[in-house]
Protein backbone atom coordinates (compact mmCIF):
# COMPACT_ATOMS: atom_id res chain seq x y z
CA MET A 1 -0.34 -11.54 -14.60
CA PHE A 2 -2.07 -9.61 -17.38
CA PRO A 3 -0.83 -8.58 -20.83
CA ARG A 4 0.42 -5.03 -21.31
CA GLU A 5 -1.75 -4.62 -24.38
CA TYR A 6 -5.52 -4.41 -24.04
CA SER A 7 -7.15 -7.80 -24.44
CA ALA A 8 -10.36 -7.54 -22.40
CA TYR A 9 -12.10 -5.45 -19.76
CA PHE A 10 -10.14 -5.59 -16.51
CA THR A 11 -13.18 -7.05 -14.74
CA ASP A 12 -13.17 -9.94 -17.20
CA GLN A 13 -9.43 -10.41 -16.65
CA LEU A 14 -9.90 -10.46 -12.87
CA GLU A 15 -12.35 -13.34 -13.23
CA THR A 16 -9.54 -15.48 -14.71
CA ILE A 17 -7.33 -15.36 -11.58
CA ASP A 18 -7.06 -18.72 -9.82
CA VAL A 19 -8.22 -19.21 -6.23
CA GLY A 20 -5.20 -19.22 -3.91
CA THR A 21 -3.29 -16.60 -5.93
CA THR A 22 -1.48 -14.05 -3.77
CA LEU A 23 -2.55 -10.65 -5.05
CA TYR A 24 -0.50 -8.44 -2.72
CA GLU A 25 2.27 -8.75 -0.18
CA VAL A 26 1.61 -6.26 2.62
CA TRP A 27 4.60 -4.53 4.25
CA ALA A 28 4.59 -1.91 7.00
CA LYS A 29 6.92 0.20 9.10
CA ALA A 30 6.18 0.97 12.74
CA THR A 31 7.96 4.31 12.28
CA PRO A 32 9.50 6.04 9.25
CA GLY A 33 12.98 4.92 10.33
CA ALA A 34 12.08 1.29 10.96
CA HIS A 35 12.86 -1.52 8.56
CA PRO A 36 9.80 -2.73 6.66
CA ILE A 37 8.28 -5.96 7.94
CA SER A 38 5.86 -8.30 6.25
CA ILE A 39 2.48 -8.10 7.97
CA GLY A 40 0.60 -10.39 5.64
CA HIS A 41 -0.70 -10.94 2.17
CA LEU A 42 -3.96 -10.73 0.27
CA GLU A 43 -4.82 -14.13 -1.15
CA LEU A 44 -7.80 -14.90 -3.34
CA ALA A 45 -10.13 -17.22 -1.39
CA SER A 46 -12.76 -17.44 -4.13
CA ARG A 47 -13.22 -16.34 -7.73
CA PHE A 48 -13.76 -12.66 -8.44
CA THR A 49 -17.42 -11.80 -8.99
CA LYS A 50 -18.81 -8.63 -10.54
CA SER A 51 -21.37 -6.87 -8.34
CA MET A 52 -23.09 -3.53 -7.94
CA TYR A 53 -22.05 -3.51 -4.27
CA GLY A 54 -18.39 -3.77 -5.23
CA ASP A 55 -18.80 -1.09 -7.88
CA SER A 56 -20.72 1.41 -5.77
CA LYS A 57 -20.17 0.72 -2.04
CA LEU A 58 -16.84 -1.01 -1.43
CA MET A 59 -14.00 1.51 -1.10
CA PHE A 60 -10.44 1.39 0.20
CA GLN A 61 -8.49 4.51 1.04
CA HIS A 62 -4.83 5.09 1.81
CA THR A 63 -3.85 7.91 4.12
CA THR A 64 -1.02 10.34 3.55
CA PHE A 65 1.92 10.84 5.88
CA ASP A 66 0.37 14.18 6.93
CA GLN A 67 -2.84 12.40 7.94
CA ASP A 68 -0.86 9.83 9.92
CA ILE A 69 0.93 12.66 11.75
CA GLU A 70 -2.38 14.43 12.49
CA ARG A 71 -3.91 11.26 13.96
CA ALA A 72 -0.88 10.06 15.92
CA PRO A 73 -0.36 10.91 19.58
CA ARG A 74 1.89 13.97 19.94
CA ASP A 75 4.93 12.02 21.17
CA VAL A 76 4.63 9.49 18.33
CA ALA A 77 4.27 12.26 15.74
CA ALA A 78 7.39 13.99 17.10
CA GLU A 79 9.34 10.72 16.92
CA TRP A 80 8.20 10.05 13.34
CA LEU A 81 9.05 13.57 12.19
CA GLY A 82 12.47 13.31 13.84
CA GLU A 83 13.19 10.07 11.94
CA CYS A 84 12.24 11.36 8.51
CA PRO A 85 15.19 13.38 7.15
CA ARG A 86 13.31 14.49 4.04
CA TYR A 87 9.86 15.26 5.44
CA ASP A 88 8.78 17.25 2.37
CA GLU A 89 9.53 14.25 0.15
CA CYS A 90 7.95 11.77 2.56
CA ARG A 91 4.76 13.83 2.61
CA THR A 92 4.21 13.33 -1.09
CA CYS A 93 5.15 9.67 -1.47
CA PRO A 94 6.62 7.78 1.49
CA ALA A 95 6.77 4.56 -0.54
CA GLU A 96 9.41 5.99 -2.90
CA TYR A 97 12.02 6.44 -0.20
CA ASP A 98 13.52 4.26 2.47
CA CYS A 99 14.17 6.91 5.10
CA PHE A 100 16.33 4.50 7.07
CA GLU A 101 18.91 4.06 4.33
CA GLY A 102 18.41 7.20 2.25
CA ALA A 103 16.67 7.86 -1.03
CA GLY A 104 16.07 4.90 -3.25
CA ALA A 105 13.51 2.48 -4.53
CA SER A 106 11.01 1.14 -2.06
CA GLN A 107 11.03 -2.46 -0.86
CA GLU A 108 9.12 -4.74 -3.23
């Protein structure tokens, strides 16, 4: 979508994306051993606009596998831990491994 070499500020580049462009495909697993399923996509409904609100107030945060385990009901956490054969690796980057089929590149 964008050149590898610097050509403009990223905020200026974002303003060039057409309405209707799919920015992300969103995949999820119900448990570490489940196959990934598509749960949606993020599609641009209007042009990007620079704003102070977006720069200072709007934040998105991913959680780690450890945080998921802490927040899950005890029986769910036990099931998830039992399905993850390489828990130490999953803790650092669950997207790098497909625990159902063994180590390898994540689904893209």
